[in-house]
Amino acid sequence: MPDLVPEEIERYAEEHTTPPVPLLAELADETRATLRSPQMLTGTVEGRFLELLVWASGARRILEIGTYSGYSALSMAAALPDGGRIDTCEVEERHAEVARRYIARSPHADRITVHLGPALETIERLEGAFDLVFVDADKENYVNYYEAVLPRIAARGLIAADNTLWSGRVLDEQDQSEGTRAIRAFNEHVRADERVTSVMLTVRDGVTLIRRNP
């Protein structure tokens, strides 16, 4: 996959971002060494971005769609206020096992619940409104996830959708792969939705922040 930002700039940005705590660094190493698709790892820059997003928004109820190995959930948990919690959805048992193991070793074990199974089914079972929803799962369901959570976003809540620049392939008209078409469709769906205000950021592989209009 092509890099959106030159490698030396990415490296400079990471070098000038507060490094991860040792547990997250260990988790990143295990993810890269043992799991498929290690490029899915949130990593230092986006991990700190999510942590600061939680801190700035004061989000107390967080839903994550796509746990992978747990890096992003643990990053966000570091900024949770007292009484806050994270529900994170994962469909792959191997990913959930790694995430649960590291969550259990963290100071945040009592505030993160990993739900194994299809995320749309998990969302239906969960109660209440969400202050922040982080979407980072199968791209083909992005629009479905968006529509499932939008009515349940708190008045000052946010949706953060990852990978919305898709390594630049959203611009490649020759690329008609399923994932690329799904991301393009999601981006257009959000842009045309008069219910929301959104901004697409060039953080890592593209992160779109979305709020529901009053």
Protein backbone atom coordinates (compact mmCIF):
# COMPACT_ATOMS: atom_id res chain seq x y z
CA MET A 1 0.00 0.00 0.00
CA PRO A 2 1.34 3.48 -0.84
CA ASP A 3 2.26 5.78 2.02
CA LEU A 4 0.14 8.92 2.35
CA VAL A 5 2.96 10.75 4.09
CA PRO A 6 6.67 10.29 3.31
CA GLU A 7 8.28 7.74 5.63
CA GLU A 8 10.71 10.28 7.07
CA ILE A 9 7.83 12.59 8.02
CA GLU A 10 5.93 9.72 9.64
CA ARG A 11 9.06 8.81 11.58
CA TYR A 12 9.60 12.44 12.65
CA ALA A 13 5.99 12.70 13.83
CA GLU A 14 6.31 9.53 15.86
CA GLU A 15 9.60 10.66 17.36
CA HIS A 16 7.92 13.87 18.51
CA THR A 17 4.89 12.16 20.00
CA THR A 18 4.89 10.97 23.62
CA PRO A 19 5.94 7.30 23.39
CA PRO A 20 3.59 4.53 24.48
CA VAL A 21 3.72 3.06 27.96
CA PRO A 22 5.74 -0.18 28.18
CA LEU A 23 2.64 -2.42 28.10
CA LEU A 24 1.47 -0.87 24.84
CA ALA A 25 4.95 -1.15 23.35
CA GLU A 26 4.97 -4.84 24.27
CA LEU A 27 1.51 -5.28 22.76
CA ALA A 28 2.64 -3.60 19.54
CA ASP A 29 5.65 -5.95 19.32
CA GLU A 30 3.49 -9.06 19.84
CA THR A 31 0.92 -7.84 17.33
CA ARG A 32 3.54 -7.36 14.65
CA ALA A 33 5.16 -10.70 15.41
CA THR A 34 2.12 -12.97 15.75
CA LEU A 35 -1.04 -11.53 14.16
CA ARG A 36 -2.09 -11.24 10.56
CA SER A 37 -2.36 -7.77 9.03
CA PRO A 38 -0.10 -5.96 11.53
CA GLN A 39 -0.65 -2.75 9.52
CA MET A 40 -4.01 -2.62 11.31
CA LEU A 41 -2.20 -1.75 14.55
CA THR A 42 -3.21 1.72 15.73
CA GLY A 43 0.33 2.67 16.72
CA THR A 44 1.88 5.54 18.61
CA VAL A 45 0.60 8.61 16.76
CA GLU A 46 -3.02 7.53 16.32
CA GLY A 47 -3.07 5.97 19.78
CA ARG A 48 -2.11 9.28 21.37
CA PHE A 49 -4.56 11.08 19.07
CA LEU A 50 -7.41 8.90 20.34
CA GLU A 51 -6.29 9.34 23.95
CA LEU A 52 -6.27 13.12 23.60
CA LEU A 53 -9.64 13.02 21.81
CA VAL A 54 -11.12 11.23 24.82
CA TRP A 55 -9.43 13.65 27.21
CA ALA A 56 -10.56 16.77 25.30
CA SER A 57 -14.14 15.58 24.85
CA GLY A 58 -14.52 14.17 28.36
CA ALA A 59 -16.09 11.05 26.83
CA ARG A 60 -17.33 8.64 29.49
CA ARG A 61 -19.11 6.03 27.38
CA ILE A 62 -17.06 4.76 24.44
CA LEU A 63 -17.95 2.18 21.82
CA GLU A 64 -15.20 0.71 19.68
CA ILE A 65 -16.09 -1.29 16.58
CA GLY A 66 -13.03 -3.40 15.78
CA THR A 67 -10.80 -4.25 18.75
CA TYR A 68 -7.97 -5.99 16.86
CA SER A 69 -5.30 -6.56 19.52
CA GLY A 70 -6.56 -3.92 21.96
CA TYR A 71 -4.08 -1.10 21.37
CA SER A 72 -6.69 1.56 20.60
CA ALA A 73 -8.99 0.53 23.46
CA LEU A 74 -6.12 0.75 25.93
CA SER A 75 -5.03 4.09 24.47
CA MET A 76 -8.50 5.57 24.93
CA ALA A 77 -8.89 4.05 28.40
CA ALA A 78 -5.87 6.00 29.61
CA ALA A 79 -7.91 9.22 29.37
CA LEU A 80 -11.26 7.98 30.65
CA PRO A 81 -12.71 10.05 33.51
CA ASP A 82 -13.87 8.35 36.69
CA GLY A 83 -16.82 6.11 35.98
CA GLY A 84 -16.05 5.91 32.26
CA ARG A 85 -16.11 2.67 30.32
CA ILE A 86 -15.36 1.18 26.91
CA ASP A 87 -17.29 -1.53 25.09
CA THR A 88 -15.22 -2.91 22.24
CA CYS A 89 -16.44 -5.31 19.54
CA GLU A 90 -14.30 -8.00 17.88
CA VAL A 91 -15.33 -10.82 15.57
CA GLU A 92 -11.99 -12.69 15.48
CA GLU A 93 -11.43 -14.93 18.51
CA ARG A 94 -7.63 -14.79 18.20
CA HIS A 95 -7.67 -10.97 18.22
CA ALA A 96 -10.00 -10.91 21.22
CA GLU A 97 -7.75 -13.30 23.13
CA VAL A 98 -4.72 -11.06 22.71
CA ALA A 99 -6.70 -7.95 23.60
CA ARG A 100 -8.20 -9.50 26.73
CA ARG A 101 -4.81 -10.69 27.91
CA TYR A 102 -3.26 -7.22 27.69
CA ILE A 103 -6.35 -5.49 29.06
CA ALA A 104 -6.18 -7.81 32.09
CA ARG A 105 -2.61 -6.69 32.73
CA SER A 106 -3.46 -2.99 32.45
CA PRO A 107 -4.80 -0.58 35.09
CA HIS A 108 -8.02 -0.35 33.04
CA ALA A 109 -9.26 -3.95 33.17
CA ASP A 110 -12.44 -3.06 35.07
CA ARG A 111 -13.41 -0.40 32.51
CA ILE A 112 -13.04 -2.27 29.20
CA THR A 113 -15.34 -5.07 28.02
CA VAL A 114 -14.46 -7.05 24.90
CA HIS A 115 -17.55 -8.38 23.11
CA LEU A 116 -16.84 -11.31 20.80
CA GLY A 117 -19.23 -11.56 17.85
CA PRO A 118 -20.71 -9.45 15.03
CA ALA A 119 -20.64 -5.80 16.06
CA LEU A 120 -24.13 -4.99 14.78
CA GLU A 121 -25.55 -7.63 17.10
CA THR A 122 -23.51 -6.32 20.03
CA ILE A 123 -24.67 -2.75 19.40
CA GLU A 124 -28.30 -3.89 19.57
CA ARG A 125 -27.69 -5.44 23.00
CA LEU A 126 -25.92 -2.42 24.51
CA GLU A 127 -28.00 0.21 26.25
CA GLY A 128 -27.73 3.96 26.38
CA ALA A 129 -26.01 6.69 24.39
CA PHE A 130 -22.34 6.89 23.39
CA ASP A 131 -20.02 9.85 23.84
CA LEU A 132 -17.49 8.50 21.36
CA VAL A 133 -17.67 5.73 18.77
CA PHE A 134 -14.44 4.60 17.10
CA VAL A 135 -15.09 2.64 13.90
CA ASP A 136 -12.17 0.53 12.68
CA ALA A 137 -13.57 -2.78 11.42
CA ASP A 138 -14.64 -4.40 8.13
CA LYS A 139 -15.04 -1.63 5.59
CA GLU A 140 -18.02 -3.23 3.86
CA ASN A 141 -20.14 -2.55 6.95
CA TYR A 142 -19.01 1.02 7.63
CA VAL A 143 -22.29 2.54 6.45
CA ASN A 144 -24.24 -0.03 8.49
CA TYR A 145 -22.20 0.73 11.62
CA TYR A 146 -22.67 4.46 11.06
CA GLU A 147 -26.43 4.15 10.72
CA ALA A 148 -26.62 1.88 13.77
CA VAL A 149 -24.78 4.27 16.08
CA LEU A 150 -25.72 7.72 14.78
CA PRO A 151 -29.12 7.82 16.55
CA ARG A 152 -27.36 6.83 19.77
CA ILE A 153 -24.65 9.47 19.80
CA ALA A 154 -24.90 11.79 22.81
CA ALA A 155 -25.65 15.47 22.24
CA ARG A 156 -21.94 16.35 22.23
CA GLY A 157 -20.75 12.94 21.08
CA LEU A 158 -18.47 12.05 18.18
CA ILE A 159 -17.95 9.25 15.69
CA ALA A 160 -14.33 8.70 14.61
CA ALA A 161 -14.05 6.52 11.49
CA ASP A 162 -10.61 5.14 10.67
CA ASN A 163 -9.00 4.37 7.29
CA THR A 164 -11.15 6.83 5.35
CA LEU A 165 -8.29 7.70 2.99
CA TRP A 166 -7.53 4.00 2.46
CA SER A 167 -3.84 4.56 1.64
CA GLY A 168 -4.87 6.95 -1.10
CA ARG A 169 -6.77 4.30 -3.04
CA VAL A 170 -9.98 6.33 -2.74
CA LEU A 171 -8.50 8.44 -5.58
CA ASP A 172 -7.56 5.51 -7.81
CA GLU A 173 -10.41 5.11 -10.29
CA GLN A 174 -8.90 1.84 -11.48
CA ASP A 175 -9.23 0.31 -8.03
CA GLN A 176 -12.67 -1.28 -7.83
CA SER A 177 -11.88 -3.72 -5.02
CA GLU A 178 -14.58 -4.32 -2.44
CA GLY A 179 -12.82 -2.50 0.37
CA THR A 180 -12.03 0.55 -1.75
CA ARG A 181 -15.57 0.80 -3.06
CA ALA A 182 -16.91 0.46 0.49
CA ILE A 183 -14.75 3.29 1.83
CA ARG A 184 -15.67 5.54 -1.09
CA ALA A 185 -19.35 4.78 -0.47
CA PHE A 186 -18.99 5.56 3.24
CA ASN A 187 -17.20 8.84 2.57
CA GLU A 188 -19.87 9.94 0.13
CA HIS A 189 -22.64 8.81 2.50
CA VAL A 190 -21.26 10.98 5.32
CA ARG A 191 -20.58 13.96 3.06
CA ALA A 192 -24.17 13.95 1.80
CA ASP A 193 -25.75 13.42 5.23
CA GLU A 194 -27.40 16.65 6.35
CA ARG A 195 -27.81 15.23 9.84
CA VAL A 196 -24.11 15.63 10.60
CA THR A 197 -21.04 17.84 10.41
CA SER A 198 -17.77 16.09 9.59
CA VAL A 199 -14.09 16.68 8.94
CA MET A 200 -11.68 14.26 7.26
CA LEU A 201 -8.20 14.36 8.78
CA THR A 202 -4.99 13.08 7.22
CA VAL A 203 -3.92 11.37 10.43
CA ARG A 204 -2.25 8.08 9.54
CA ASP A 205 -4.62 6.41 7.02
CA GLY A 206 -7.35 9.04 7.34
CA VAL A 207 -9.66 9.63 10.32
CA THR A 208 -13.06 11.26 9.82
CA LEU A 209 -14.63 12.97 12.84
CA ILE A 210 -18.41 13.28 12.76
CA ARG A 211 -20.90 14.99 15.04
CA ARG A 212 -24.67 14.96 14.86
CA ASN A 213 -26.21 18.36 14.17
CA PRO A 214 -28.55 19.84 16.79
